[in-house]
Amino acid sequence: MSKNPGSPSKPLTDYPRPSVAVDVAVLTVVDETVKVLVVDHPRGRALPGTFLHPGERLADAARRALHDKAGLDDVEFHQMAMLDDPERDDRGWVLSMTHSAAVRVENFPAGAQLLPVTDARQLAFDHEEIVALAVADLRRRYATAVDPSGLIGDEFTILELRRLYEVIYGRRFPKDTFRRHLSHGLEATGEFSREGAGRPAELYRKTAEPLPPSAASFLAQLRWDFLR
């Protein structure tokens, strides 16, 4: 009787195995543009990434990649998707567990390379796809809570918050409707901004309250041709 090749007695080493990599898209907002952290790679610029070491967890590999390749530490990131196209890397069969994060630009080390996400087609391998996944992930998260990554700081005006959301979503929002939809996640500080010669603007801080589903619908529908 022939031995079943799929039987439990067959050793795992008899099966072909891919290499496993991690790639991390770290986004930020600077100069009214969403940008992504990139590093130099023999194939050109790429996202920080590395291959998984034996016995290593994916999250630990992602932290190592950020530290070793970009000099970036203490970043909160999360997994997005596993990219499994057998042709994604011409060096061999490589799976990539993609990760995403968003941090304030002040947290990057001196000399960090930041690329506008609209220029991600310049990146090596399929890293343009990873950046697109990260931007979509950022928009989903910002539709469920007010500035969950803290890109704007602890206290801000409604105008500053709206401008941040306009950059993230690539569209403009009517100010009164924007305020109404995001007010569920805001509380007034009782203080006012004194910058400039205009009328002082009230300062707010975010709360732990989630945004209602209507906020996601509102943020997703409008386009740049909307006039303030």
N, C-alpha and C. Protein backbone atom coordinates (compact mmCIF):
# COMPACT_ATOMS: atom_id res chain seq x y z
N MET A 1 0.85 -1.20 0.00
CA MET A 1 0.00 0.00 0.00
C MET A 1 0.89 1.25 0.00
N SER A 2 0.59 2.19 -0.86
CA SER A 2 1.40 3.41 -0.93
C SER A 2 1.09 4.31 0.25
N LYS A 3 2.11 5.03 0.67
CA LYS A 3 1.97 5.92 1.82
C LYS A 3 1.29 7.22 1.40
N ASN A 4 0.30 7.63 2.13
CA ASN A 4 -0.41 8.88 1.84
C ASN A 4 0.53 10.06 2.03
N PRO A 5 0.83 10.83 0.96
CA PRO A 5 1.78 11.94 1.11
C PRO A 5 1.29 13.01 2.06
N GLY A 6 -0.01 13.03 2.33
CA GLY A 6 -0.54 14.04 3.24
C GLY A 6 -0.75 13.53 4.65
N SER A 7 -0.23 12.35 4.96
CA SER A 7 -0.44 11.76 6.28
C SER A 7 0.34 12.52 7.33
N PRO A 8 -0.11 12.46 8.60
CA PRO A 8 0.57 13.18 9.68
C PRO A 8 2.00 12.73 9.88
N SER A 9 2.37 11.50 9.42
CA SER A 9 3.72 10.98 9.65
C SER A 9 4.76 11.61 8.74
N LYS A 10 4.32 12.32 7.72
CA LYS A 10 5.28 12.94 6.82
C LYS A 10 5.91 14.14 7.49
N PRO A 11 7.24 14.24 7.56
CA PRO A 11 7.88 15.37 8.25
C PRO A 11 7.63 16.68 7.52
N LEU A 12 7.53 17.77 8.29
CA LEU A 12 7.27 19.09 7.71
C LEU A 12 8.37 19.51 6.75
N THR A 13 9.58 19.04 6.98
CA THR A 13 10.69 19.42 6.10
C THR A 13 10.54 18.87 4.69
N ASP A 14 9.60 17.91 4.50
CA ASP A 14 9.36 17.38 3.16
C ASP A 14 8.50 18.29 2.31
N TYR A 15 7.90 19.32 2.93
CA TYR A 15 7.04 20.25 2.20
C TYR A 15 7.84 21.49 1.80
N PRO A 16 7.57 22.02 0.61
CA PRO A 16 8.23 23.28 0.25
C PRO A 16 7.75 24.39 1.17
N ARG A 17 8.67 25.24 1.59
CA ARG A 17 8.33 26.30 2.53
C ARG A 17 8.82 27.65 2.02
N PRO A 18 7.96 28.67 2.09
CA PRO A 18 8.38 30.01 1.66
C PRO A 18 9.18 30.70 2.76
N SER A 19 9.92 31.72 2.38
CA SER A 19 10.49 32.63 3.36
C SER A 19 9.38 33.56 3.83
N VAL A 20 9.47 34.02 5.06
CA VAL A 20 8.46 34.93 5.61
C VAL A 20 9.13 36.24 5.96
N ALA A 21 8.56 37.33 5.47
CA ALA A 21 9.09 38.66 5.73
C ALA A 21 8.04 39.50 6.43
N VAL A 22 8.48 40.59 7.01
CA VAL A 22 7.57 41.62 7.53
C VAL A 22 7.95 42.94 6.86
N ASP A 23 6.94 43.73 6.53
CA ASP A 23 7.14 45.07 5.98
C ASP A 23 6.23 46.03 6.73
N VAL A 24 6.76 47.22 7.05
CA VAL A 24 6.03 48.16 7.89
C VAL A 24 5.87 49.49 7.18
N ALA A 25 4.63 49.93 7.01
CA ALA A 25 4.33 51.25 6.44
C ALA A 25 4.02 52.19 7.60
N VAL A 26 4.93 53.13 7.84
CA VAL A 26 4.75 54.12 8.92
C VAL A 26 4.36 55.44 8.26
N LEU A 27 3.12 55.87 8.50
CA LEU A 27 2.59 57.07 7.88
C LEU A 27 2.70 58.27 8.83
N THR A 28 2.69 59.44 8.24
CA THR A 28 2.63 60.68 9.01
C THR A 28 2.00 61.74 8.12
N VAL A 29 1.68 62.89 8.72
CA VAL A 29 1.17 64.03 7.97
C VAL A 29 2.12 65.19 8.18
N VAL A 30 2.65 65.71 7.09
CA VAL A 30 3.57 66.84 7.15
C VAL A 30 3.41 67.65 5.87
N ASP A 31 3.47 68.96 6.00
CA ASP A 31 3.30 69.86 4.84
C ASP A 31 1.99 69.57 4.11
N GLU A 32 0.93 69.31 4.88
CA GLU A 32 -0.40 69.04 4.34
C GLU A 32 -0.40 67.87 3.35
N THR A 33 0.43 66.86 3.65
CA THR A 33 0.56 65.69 2.79
C THR A 33 0.73 64.45 3.67
N VAL A 34 0.08 63.36 3.27
CA VAL A 34 0.34 62.08 3.93
C VAL A 34 1.62 61.51 3.33
N LYS A 35 2.58 61.19 4.19
CA LYS A 35 3.85 60.65 3.74
C LYS A 35 4.14 59.33 4.45
N VAL A 36 5.04 58.54 3.86
CA VAL A 36 5.39 57.24 4.40
C VAL A 36 6.90 57.16 4.57
N LEU A 37 7.33 56.50 5.63
CA LEU A 37 8.74 56.31 5.89
C LEU A 37 9.32 55.28 4.93
N VAL A 38 10.45 55.63 4.28
CA VAL A 38 11.12 54.71 3.37
C VAL A 38 12.60 54.65 3.72
N VAL A 39 13.24 53.59 3.26
CA VAL A 39 14.67 53.40 3.51
C VAL A 39 15.34 52.99 2.21
N ASP A 40 16.65 53.10 2.18
CA ASP A 40 17.41 52.67 1.01
C ASP A 40 17.50 51.15 0.98
N HIS A 41 17.42 50.61 -0.24
CA HIS A 41 17.46 49.17 -0.45
C HIS A 41 18.22 48.93 -1.74
N PRO A 42 18.90 47.79 -1.87
CA PRO A 42 19.61 47.52 -3.13
C PRO A 42 18.73 47.61 -4.37
N ARG A 43 17.40 47.42 -4.20
CA ARG A 43 16.47 47.53 -5.34
C ARG A 43 15.90 48.94 -5.48
N GLY A 44 16.35 49.87 -4.67
CA GLY A 44 15.80 51.22 -4.67
C GLY A 44 15.20 51.52 -3.31
N ARG A 45 14.38 52.52 -3.22
CA ARG A 45 13.75 52.81 -1.93
C ARG A 45 12.64 51.81 -1.64
N ALA A 46 12.48 51.51 -0.36
CA ALA A 46 11.51 50.49 0.05
C ALA A 46 11.02 50.80 1.45
N LEU A 47 9.98 50.11 1.87
CA LEU A 47 9.52 50.20 3.25
C LEU A 47 10.49 49.45 4.15
N PRO A 48 10.60 49.85 5.41
CA PRO A 48 11.41 49.06 6.34
C PRO A 48 10.86 47.64 6.45
N GLY A 49 11.73 46.67 6.30
CA GLY A 49 11.29 45.29 6.35
C GLY A 49 12.46 44.37 6.62
N THR A 50 12.13 43.12 6.92
CA THR A 50 13.17 42.13 7.20
C THR A 50 12.56 40.74 7.10
N PHE A 51 13.42 39.74 7.11
CA PHE A 51 12.96 38.36 7.12
C PHE A 51 12.83 37.87 8.56
N LEU A 52 11.87 37.02 8.77
CA LEU A 52 11.62 36.45 10.09
C LEU A 52 12.74 35.49 10.48
N HIS A 53 13.26 35.68 11.70
CA HIS A 53 14.28 34.78 12.21
C HIS A 53 13.64 33.54 12.83
N PRO A 54 14.37 32.42 12.90
CA PRO A 54 13.81 31.22 13.55
C PRO A 54 13.39 31.52 14.99
N GLY A 55 12.19 31.12 15.36
CA GLY A 55 11.70 31.31 16.71
C GLY A 55 11.25 32.72 17.03
N GLU A 56 11.20 33.60 16.03
CA GLU A 56 10.85 35.00 16.26
C GLU A 56 9.38 35.24 15.95
N ARG A 57 8.75 36.09 16.73
CA ARG A 57 7.37 36.50 16.46
C ARG A 57 7.36 37.60 15.40
N LEU A 58 6.25 37.69 14.68
CA LEU A 58 6.13 38.70 13.63
C LEU A 58 6.30 40.12 14.18
N ALA A 59 5.66 40.40 15.32
CA ALA A 59 5.75 41.73 15.90
C ALA A 59 7.18 42.09 16.28
N ASP A 60 7.93 41.10 16.79
CA ASP A 60 9.32 41.35 17.16
C ASP A 60 10.16 41.62 15.92
N ALA A 61 9.87 40.92 14.82
CA ALA A 61 10.59 41.17 13.57
C ALA A 61 10.29 42.57 13.05
N ALA A 62 9.02 43.01 13.17
CA ALA A 62 8.66 44.35 12.72
C ALA A 62 9.38 45.41 13.54
N ARG A 63 9.44 45.22 14.85
CA ARG A 63 10.18 46.17 15.70
C ARG A 63 11.66 46.21 15.31
N ARG A 64 12.22 45.04 15.06
CA ARG A 64 13.63 44.97 14.66
C ARG A 64 13.86 45.68 13.34
N ALA A 65 12.95 45.51 12.40
CA ALA A 65 13.09 46.18 11.10
C ALA A 65 13.09 47.69 11.26
N LEU A 66 12.15 48.21 12.07
CA LEU A 66 12.08 49.65 12.27
C LEU A 66 13.34 50.18 12.97
N HIS A 67 13.83 49.43 13.94
CA HIS A 67 15.02 49.88 14.66
C HIS A 67 16.27 49.81 13.79
N ASP A 68 16.48 48.66 13.14
CA ASP A 68 17.72 48.45 12.39
C ASP A 68 17.74 49.21 11.07
N LYS A 69 16.61 49.29 10.39
CA LYS A 69 16.58 49.90 9.06
C LYS A 69 16.29 51.40 9.10
N ALA A 70 15.53 51.85 10.13
CA ALA A 70 15.09 53.26 10.12
C ALA A 70 15.42 54.01 11.40
N GLY A 71 16.00 53.34 12.39
CA GLY A 71 16.33 54.02 13.64
C GLY A 71 15.11 54.48 14.41
N LEU A 72 14.01 53.77 14.24
CA LEU A 72 12.73 54.18 14.85
C LEU A 72 12.32 53.16 15.89
N ASP A 73 12.05 53.65 17.10
CA ASP A 73 11.67 52.77 18.20
C ASP A 73 10.36 53.23 18.83
N ASP A 74 9.79 52.36 19.67
CA ASP A 74 8.60 52.69 20.46
C ASP A 74 7.43 53.13 19.58
N VAL A 75 7.21 52.39 18.52
CA VAL A 75 6.10 52.68 17.60
C VAL A 75 4.99 51.66 17.81
N GLU A 76 3.77 52.14 17.96
CA GLU A 76 2.62 51.24 18.02
C GLU A 76 2.16 50.93 16.60
N PHE A 77 2.20 49.67 16.24
CA PHE A 77 1.78 49.26 14.90
C PHE A 77 0.86 48.06 15.02
N HIS A 78 0.24 47.70 13.91
CA HIS A 78 -0.65 46.55 13.90
C HIS A 78 -0.57 45.86 12.54
N GLN A 79 -0.96 44.61 12.52
CA GLN A 79 -0.93 43.85 11.29
C GLN A 79 -2.07 44.26 10.37
N MET A 80 -1.80 44.18 9.07
CA MET A 80 -2.84 44.47 8.08
C MET A 80 -3.22 43.21 7.31
N ALA A 81 -2.34 42.75 6.44
CA ALA A 81 -2.67 41.61 5.58
C ALA A 81 -1.41 40.86 5.22
N MET A 82 -1.58 39.59 4.89
CA MET A 82 -0.48 38.78 4.38
C MET A 82 -0.50 38.83 2.86
N LEU A 83 0.61 39.25 2.26
CA LEU A 83 0.73 39.26 0.80
C LEU A 83 1.39 37.96 0.38
N ASP A 84 0.70 37.22 -0.49
CA ASP A 84 1.16 35.86 -0.80
C ASP A 84 1.33 35.58 -2.28
N ASP A 85 1.42 36.61 -3.10
CA ASP A 85 1.65 36.39 -4.52
C ASP A 85 3.00 35.69 -4.69
N PRO A 86 3.04 34.49 -5.29
CA PRO A 86 4.32 33.78 -5.44
C PRO A 86 5.35 34.56 -6.26
N GLU A 87 4.90 35.53 -7.05
CA GLU A 87 5.80 36.29 -7.91
C GLU A 87 6.15 37.66 -7.33
N ARG A 88 5.79 37.93 -6.08
CA ARG A 88 5.99 39.28 -5.53
C ARG A 88 7.47 39.63 -5.34
N ASP A 89 8.33 38.62 -5.23
CA ASP A 89 9.76 38.86 -5.03
C ASP A 89 10.52 37.94 -5.96
N ASP A 90 11.29 38.52 -6.88
CA ASP A 90 11.97 37.69 -7.87
C ASP A 90 13.15 36.92 -7.29
N ARG A 91 13.46 37.13 -6.02
CA ARG A 91 14.54 36.38 -5.38
C ARG A 91 14.08 35.00 -4.90
N GLY A 92 12.75 34.80 -4.85
CA GLY A 92 12.24 33.52 -4.39
C GLY A 92 10.82 33.66 -3.87
N TRP A 93 10.34 32.58 -3.26
CA TRP A 93 8.98 32.54 -2.72
C TRP A 93 8.97 33.21 -1.36
N VAL A 94 8.37 34.38 -1.28
CA VAL A 94 8.40 35.19 -0.06
C VAL A 94 6.99 35.66 0.28
N LEU A 95 6.53 35.30 1.47
CA LEU A 95 5.30 35.86 2.01
C LEU A 95 5.65 37.08 2.85
N SER A 96 4.80 38.10 2.82
CA SER A 96 5.04 39.29 3.63
C SER A 96 3.84 39.57 4.52
N MET A 97 4.10 39.64 5.85
CA MET A 97 3.08 40.09 6.79
C MET A 97 3.22 41.60 6.90
N THR A 98 2.24 42.31 6.39
CA THR A 98 2.32 43.77 6.36
C THR A 98 1.81 44.37 7.66
N HIS A 99 2.43 45.46 8.06
CA HIS A 99 2.07 46.19 9.27
C HIS A 99 1.91 47.67 8.94
N SER A 100 1.15 48.36 9.78
CA SER A 100 0.94 49.80 9.56
C SER A 100 1.00 50.53 10.90
N ALA A 101 1.45 51.78 10.81
CA ALA A 101 1.49 52.67 11.97
C ALA A 101 1.34 54.09 11.47
N ALA A 102 0.98 55.00 12.37
CA ALA A 102 0.94 56.43 12.05
C ALA A 102 1.49 57.18 13.25
N VAL A 103 2.47 58.04 13.02
CA VAL A 103 3.12 58.77 14.12
C VAL A 103 3.30 60.23 13.73
N ARG A 104 3.47 61.06 14.74
CA ARG A 104 3.76 62.48 14.48
C ARG A 104 5.14 62.61 13.85
N VAL A 105 5.30 63.58 12.98
CA VAL A 105 6.56 63.72 12.26
C VAL A 105 7.72 64.01 13.21
N GLU A 106 7.42 64.61 14.36
CA GLU A 106 8.47 64.91 15.33
C GLU A 106 9.10 63.65 15.91
N ASN A 107 8.44 62.52 15.78
CA ASN A 107 8.95 61.28 16.36
C ASN A 107 9.94 60.54 15.47
N PHE A 108 10.10 61.01 14.24
CA PHE A 108 11.07 60.37 13.35
C PHE A 108 12.49 60.83 13.68
N PRO A 109 13.46 59.96 13.52
CA PRO A 109 14.85 60.38 13.75
C PRO A 109 15.31 61.36 12.68
N ALA A 110 16.33 62.13 13.02
CA ALA A 110 16.88 63.09 12.05
C ALA A 110 17.33 62.34 10.80
N GLY A 111 17.03 62.92 9.66
CA GLY A 111 17.42 62.32 8.40
C GLY A 111 16.48 61.26 7.86
N ALA A 112 15.35 61.04 8.52
CA ALA A 112 14.39 60.06 8.04
C ALA A 112 13.88 60.45 6.66
N GLN A 113 13.74 59.47 5.77
CA GLN A 113 13.24 59.72 4.42
C GLN A 113 11.72 59.54 4.41
N LEU A 114 11.01 60.60 4.06
CA LEU A 114 9.56 60.57 4.00
C LEU A 114 9.11 60.83 2.58
N LEU A 115 8.33 59.91 2.05
CA LEU A 115 7.88 59.97 0.66
C LEU A 115 6.38 60.19 0.62
N PRO A 116 5.89 61.16 -0.18
CA PRO A 116 4.44 61.29 -0.34
C PRO A 116 3.83 59.97 -0.79
N VAL A 117 2.71 59.59 -0.21
CA VAL A 117 2.11 58.31 -0.57
C VAL A 117 1.69 58.27 -2.03
N THR A 118 1.46 59.42 -2.63
CA THR A 118 1.10 59.48 -4.05
C THR A 118 2.28 59.10 -4.94
N ASP A 119 3.50 59.04 -4.37
CA ASP A 119 4.69 58.66 -5.14
C ASP A 119 5.13 57.24 -4.83
N ALA A 120 4.26 56.45 -4.21
CA ALA A 120 4.66 55.12 -3.77
C ALA A 120 4.98 54.17 -4.91
N ARG A 121 4.59 54.52 -6.13
CA ARG A 121 4.92 53.66 -7.27
C ARG A 121 6.43 53.56 -7.47
N GLN A 122 7.20 54.46 -6.86
CA GLN A 122 8.65 54.43 -6.97
C GLN A 122 9.27 53.31 -6.15
N LEU A 123 8.52 52.73 -5.23
CA LEU A 123 9.08 51.79 -4.28
C LEU A 123 9.32 50.41 -4.88
N ALA A 124 10.24 49.68 -4.27
CA ALA A 124 10.60 48.35 -4.74
C ALA A 124 9.51 47.33 -4.42
N PHE A 125 9.61 46.18 -5.10
CA PHE A 125 8.70 45.04 -4.88
C PHE A 125 7.24 45.49 -5.04
N ASP A 126 6.38 45.02 -4.14
CA ASP A 126 4.97 45.42 -4.18
C ASP A 126 4.64 46.40 -3.06
N HIS A 127 5.63 47.20 -2.69
CA HIS A 127 5.44 48.10 -1.56
C HIS A 127 4.45 49.22 -1.85
N GLU A 128 4.20 49.51 -3.11
CA GLU A 128 3.13 50.46 -3.44
C GLU A 128 1.79 49.91 -2.95
N GLU A 129 1.58 48.63 -3.11
CA GLU A 129 0.34 48.02 -2.64
C GLU A 129 0.24 48.10 -1.11
N ILE A 130 1.35 47.91 -0.42
CA ILE A 130 1.34 47.98 1.04
C ILE A 130 1.00 49.39 1.50
N VAL A 131 1.54 50.39 0.82
CA VAL A 131 1.22 51.78 1.17
C VAL A 131 -0.27 52.04 0.96
N ALA A 132 -0.83 51.55 -0.13
CA ALA A 132 -2.26 51.73 -0.39
C ALA A 132 -3.09 51.08 0.71
N LEU A 133 -2.68 49.89 1.15
CA LEU A 133 -3.37 49.23 2.26
C LEU A 133 -3.28 50.06 3.53
N ALA A 134 -2.11 50.66 3.76
CA ALA A 134 -1.92 51.45 4.98
C ALA A 134 -2.77 52.71 4.97
N VAL A 135 -2.88 53.37 3.83
CA VAL A 135 -3.71 54.58 3.73
C VAL A 135 -5.18 54.22 3.96
N ALA A 136 -5.64 53.13 3.34
CA ALA A 136 -7.02 52.70 3.55
C ALA A 136 -7.26 52.34 5.01
N ASP A 137 -6.29 51.71 5.63
CA ASP A 137 -6.40 51.36 7.05
C ASP A 137 -6.46 52.61 7.92
N LEU A 138 -5.63 53.60 7.60
CA LEU A 138 -5.63 54.86 8.34
C LEU A 138 -6.99 55.53 8.26
N ARG A 139 -7.58 55.56 7.07
CA ARG A 139 -8.89 56.18 6.90
C ARG A 139 -9.97 55.43 7.66
N ARG A 140 -9.90 54.12 7.66
CA ARG A 140 -10.89 53.34 8.43
C ARG A 140 -10.78 53.66 9.92
N ARG A 141 -9.58 53.73 10.42
CA ARG A 141 -9.41 53.98 11.86
C ARG A 141 -9.84 55.39 12.23
N TYR A 142 -9.56 56.37 11.36
CA TYR A 142 -9.94 57.74 11.66
C TYR A 142 -11.43 57.99 11.49
N ALA A 143 -12.13 57.03 10.91
CA ALA A 143 -13.59 57.13 10.82
C ALA A 143 -14.29 56.55 12.04
N THR A 144 -13.54 55.87 12.89
CA THR A 144 -14.15 55.26 14.08
C THR A 144 -13.81 56.01 15.36
N ALA A 145 -12.79 56.87 15.33
CA ALA A 145 -12.40 57.64 16.52
C ALA A 145 -11.70 58.91 16.07
N VAL A 146 -11.70 59.91 16.93
CA VAL A 146 -11.04 61.17 16.60
C VAL A 146 -9.52 61.00 16.76
N ASP A 147 -8.80 61.20 15.68
CA ASP A 147 -7.34 61.18 15.67
C ASP A 147 -6.75 60.08 16.56
N PRO A 148 -7.04 58.81 16.27
CA PRO A 148 -6.58 57.73 17.15
C PRO A 148 -5.07 57.60 17.25
N SER A 149 -4.33 58.10 16.26
CA SER A 149 -2.87 58.01 16.31
C SER A 149 -2.21 59.25 16.90
N GLY A 150 -3.02 60.24 17.28
CA GLY A 150 -2.46 61.44 17.91
C GLY A 150 -1.61 62.29 16.99
N LEU A 151 -1.97 62.36 15.72
CA LEU A 151 -1.16 63.13 14.76
C LEU A 151 -1.25 64.63 14.99
N ILE A 152 -2.30 65.09 15.66
CA ILE A 152 -2.52 66.53 15.80
C ILE A 152 -2.10 67.06 17.17
N GLY A 153 -1.79 66.21 18.10
CA GLY A 153 -1.43 66.67 19.44
C GLY A 153 -2.59 66.58 20.41
N ASP A 154 -2.35 66.99 21.65
CA ASP A 154 -3.35 66.82 22.71
C ASP A 154 -4.51 67.81 22.62
N GLU A 155 -4.22 69.05 22.23
CA GLU A 155 -5.26 70.08 22.14
C GLU A 155 -5.21 70.73 20.77
N PHE A 156 -6.38 71.08 20.24
CA PHE A 156 -6.46 71.56 18.87
C PHE A 156 -7.76 72.30 18.67
N THR A 157 -7.81 73.09 17.62
CA THR A 157 -9.05 73.74 17.23
C THR A 157 -9.79 72.85 16.24
N ILE A 158 -11.07 73.11 16.04
CA ILE A 158 -11.85 72.36 15.06
C ILE A 158 -11.26 72.55 13.66
N LEU A 159 -10.78 73.75 13.37
CA LEU A 159 -10.18 74.00 12.06
C LEU A 159 -8.94 73.13 11.87
N GLU A 160 -8.08 73.03 12.88
CA GLU A 160 -6.88 72.19 12.77
C GLU A 160 -7.26 70.73 12.58
N LEU A 161 -8.27 70.28 13.30
CA LEU A 161 -8.71 68.90 13.15
C LEU A 161 -9.28 68.65 11.76
N ARG A 162 -10.08 69.59 11.28
CA ARG A 162 -10.68 69.42 9.94
C ARG A 162 -9.59 69.38 8.87
N ARG A 163 -8.60 70.23 8.99
CA ARG A 163 -7.52 70.22 8.00
C ARG A 163 -6.76 68.90 8.03
N LEU A 164 -6.56 68.32 9.21
CA LEU A 164 -5.91 67.02 9.30
C LEU A 164 -6.73 65.97 8.57
N TYR A 165 -8.03 65.96 8.81
CA TYR A 165 -8.90 64.96 8.16
C TYR A 165 -8.96 65.20 6.66
N GLU A 166 -8.91 66.43 6.23
CA GLU A 166 -8.92 66.69 4.79
C GLU A 166 -7.67 66.15 4.12
N VAL A 167 -6.54 66.23 4.80
CA VAL A 167 -5.31 65.68 4.24
C VAL A 167 -5.39 64.15 4.19
N ILE A 168 -5.85 63.55 5.26
CA ILE A 168 -5.93 62.09 5.32
C ILE A 168 -6.89 61.53 4.28
N TYR A 169 -8.04 62.19 4.10
CA TYR A 169 -9.05 61.67 3.18
C TYR A 169 -8.93 62.25 1.77
N GLY A 170 -8.07 63.23 1.58
CA GLY A 170 -7.90 63.79 0.25
C GLY A 170 -9.12 64.50 -0.28
N ARG A 171 -9.86 65.15 0.60
CA ARG A 171 -11.08 65.86 0.19
C ARG A 171 -11.40 66.93 1.22
N ARG A 172 -12.30 67.82 0.87
CA ARG A 172 -12.69 68.89 1.78
C ARG A 172 -14.03 68.57 2.43
N PHE A 173 -14.22 69.13 3.62
CA PHE A 173 -15.43 68.88 4.39
C PHE A 173 -16.08 70.21 4.77
N PRO A 174 -17.40 70.31 4.66
CA PRO A 174 -18.09 71.51 5.15
C PRO A 174 -17.92 71.61 6.66
N LYS A 175 -17.52 72.77 7.13
CA LYS A 175 -17.08 72.89 8.53
C LYS A 175 -18.17 72.54 9.54
N ASP A 176 -19.40 72.99 9.31
CA ASP A 176 -20.44 72.72 10.30
C ASP A 176 -20.81 71.24 10.36
N THR A 177 -20.91 70.60 9.20
CA THR A 177 -21.24 69.18 9.16
C THR A 177 -20.10 68.34 9.75
N PHE A 178 -18.89 68.73 9.44
CA PHE A 178 -17.73 68.03 10.01
C PHE A 178 -17.76 68.08 11.53
N ARG A 179 -17.98 69.25 12.06
CA ARG A 179 -18.02 69.40 13.51
C ARG A 179 -19.13 68.55 14.14
N ARG A 180 -20.28 68.52 13.50
CA ARG A 180 -21.40 67.76 14.05
C ARG A 180 -21.10 66.27 14.09
N HIS A 181 -20.50 65.75 13.05
CA HIS A 181 -20.24 64.31 13.00
C HIS A 181 -19.11 63.88 13.94
N LEU A 182 -18.13 64.75 14.16
CA LEU A 182 -17.01 64.36 15.01
C LEU A 182 -17.16 64.83 16.46
N SER A 183 -18.21 65.56 16.75
CA SER A 183 -18.38 66.11 18.10
C SER A 183 -18.54 65.02 19.15
N HIS A 184 -18.97 63.81 18.74
CA HIS A 184 -19.14 62.72 19.71
C HIS A 184 -17.82 62.35 20.37
N GLY A 185 -16.71 62.59 19.68
CA GLY A 185 -15.41 62.22 20.22
C GLY A 185 -14.59 63.39 20.71
N LEU A 186 -15.26 64.52 20.98
CA LEU A 186 -14.55 65.74 21.39
C LEU A 186 -15.09 66.28 22.70
N GLU A 187 -14.23 66.97 23.43
CA GLU A 187 -14.67 67.75 24.59
C GLU A 187 -13.90 69.06 24.61
N ALA A 188 -14.59 70.12 24.98
CA ALA A 188 -13.96 71.44 25.04
C ALA A 188 -13.05 71.53 26.25
N THR A 189 -11.93 72.23 26.09
CA THR A 189 -10.99 72.40 27.20
C THR A 189 -11.30 73.63 28.04
N GLY A 190 -12.13 74.54 27.48
CA GLY A 190 -12.37 75.81 28.16
C GLY A 190 -11.33 76.85 27.86
N GLU A 191 -10.34 76.48 27.05
CA GLU A 191 -9.27 77.40 26.66
C GLU A 191 -9.46 77.80 25.20
N PHE A 192 -8.75 78.86 24.82
CA PHE A 192 -8.85 79.37 23.45
C PHE A 192 -7.47 79.56 22.86
N SER A 193 -7.39 79.37 21.55
CA SER A 193 -6.14 79.60 20.82
C SER A 193 -5.96 81.09 20.62
N ARG A 194 -4.77 81.60 20.90
CA ARG A 194 -4.50 83.02 20.78
C ARG A 194 -3.60 83.34 19.59
N GLU A 195 -3.36 82.38 18.73
CA GLU A 195 -2.46 82.61 17.60
C GLU A 195 -3.15 83.48 16.55
N GLY A 196 -2.36 84.36 15.93
CA GLY A 196 -2.87 85.21 14.86
C GLY A 196 -3.67 86.39 15.38
N ALA A 197 -4.12 87.19 14.43
CA ALA A 197 -4.83 88.42 14.79
C ALA A 197 -6.34 88.24 14.76
N GLY A 198 -6.81 87.07 14.35
CA GLY A 198 -8.25 86.85 14.25
C GLY A 198 -8.90 86.54 15.57
N ARG A 199 -10.14 86.17 15.50
CA ARG A 199 -10.92 85.82 16.68
C ARG A 199 -10.37 84.54 17.32
N PRO A 200 -10.17 84.51 18.65
CA PRO A 200 -9.66 83.30 19.30
C PRO A 200 -10.58 82.11 19.03
N ALA A 201 -9.98 80.94 18.81
CA ALA A 201 -10.73 79.72 18.52
C ALA A 201 -10.69 78.80 19.73
N GLU A 202 -11.82 78.16 20.02
CA GLU A 202 -11.90 77.28 21.17
C GLU A 202 -11.04 76.04 20.95
N LEU A 203 -10.37 75.58 22.01
CA LEU A 203 -9.53 74.39 21.95
C LEU A 203 -10.31 73.17 22.44
N TYR A 204 -10.05 72.05 21.80
CA TYR A 204 -10.70 70.79 22.15
C TYR A 204 -9.64 69.71 22.39
N ARG A 205 -10.08 68.65 23.02
CA ARG A 205 -9.28 67.44 23.13
C ARG A 205 -10.17 66.25 22.76
N LYS A 206 -9.56 65.17 22.34
CA LYS A 206 -10.35 63.98 21.98
C LYS A 206 -10.73 63.20 23.23
N THR A 207 -11.78 62.42 23.12
CA THR A 207 -12.22 61.55 24.20
C THR A 207 -12.10 60.10 23.75
N ALA A 208 -12.44 59.20 24.63
CA ALA A 208 -12.40 57.77 24.30
C ALA A 208 -13.67 57.30 23.60
N GLU A 209 -14.62 58.21 23.40
CA GLU A 209 -15.89 57.83 22.78
C GLU A 209 -15.68 57.50 21.29
N PRO A 210 -16.23 56.39 20.82
CA PRO A 210 -16.14 56.08 19.39
C PRO A 210 -17.06 56.99 18.59
N LEU A 211 -16.72 57.18 17.34
CA LEU A 211 -17.59 57.96 16.46
C LEU A 211 -18.74 57.09 15.97
N PRO A 212 -19.91 57.68 15.72
CA PRO A 212 -21.05 56.90 15.23
C PRO A 212 -20.82 56.46 13.79
N PRO A 213 -21.52 55.41 13.34
CA PRO A 213 -21.37 54.94 11.96
C PRO A 213 -21.63 56.03 10.93
N SER A 214 -22.48 57.00 11.27
CA SER A 214 -22.77 58.08 10.32
C SER A 214 -21.53 58.89 9.99
N ALA A 215 -20.57 58.94 10.92
CA ALA A 215 -19.34 59.69 10.67
C ALA A 215 -18.55 59.05 9.53
N ALA A 216 -18.47 57.72 9.53
CA ALA A 216 -17.75 57.03 8.45
C ALA A 216 -18.40 57.28 7.11
N SER A 217 -19.73 57.28 7.07
CA SER A 217 -20.44 57.55 5.82
C SER A 217 -20.16 58.97 5.35
N PHE A 218 -20.18 59.91 6.27
CA PHE A 218 -19.92 61.30 5.93
C PHE A 218 -18.50 61.48 5.40
N LEU A 219 -17.52 60.90 6.07
CA LEU A 219 -16.13 61.07 5.67
C LEU A 219 -15.84 60.44 4.32
N ALA A 220 -16.59 59.40 3.96
CA ALA A 220 -16.32 58.66 2.73
C ALA A 220 -17.00 59.25 1.50
N GLN A 221 -17.99 60.09 1.68
CA GLN A 221 -18.83 60.49 0.54
C GLN A 221 -18.36 61.74 -0.18
N LEU A 222 -17.81 62.70 0.52
CA LEU A 222 -17.52 63.99 -0.09
C LEU A 222 -16.25 63.95 -0.93
N ARG A 223 -16.15 64.86 -1.89
CA ARG A 223 -14.99 64.91 -2.78
C ARG A 223 -14.38 66.31 -2.73
N TRP A 224 -13.19 66.41 -3.34
CA TRP A 224 -12.44 67.66 -3.31
C TRP A 224 -13.17 68.83 -4.00
N ASP A 225 -14.17 68.53 -4.84
CA ASP A 225 -14.82 69.61 -5.54
C ASP A 225 -15.85 70.33 -4.65
N PHE A 226 -15.96 69.86 -3.40
CA PHE A 226 -16.84 70.57 -2.47
C PHE A 226 -16.17 71.88 -2.06
N LEU A 227 -16.89 72.98 -2.18
CA LEU A 227 -16.34 74.28 -1.83
C LEU A 227 -16.68 74.61 -0.37
N ARG A 228 -15.70 75.12 0.34
CA ARG A 228 -15.93 75.50 1.73
C ARG A 228 -16.95 76.63 1.79
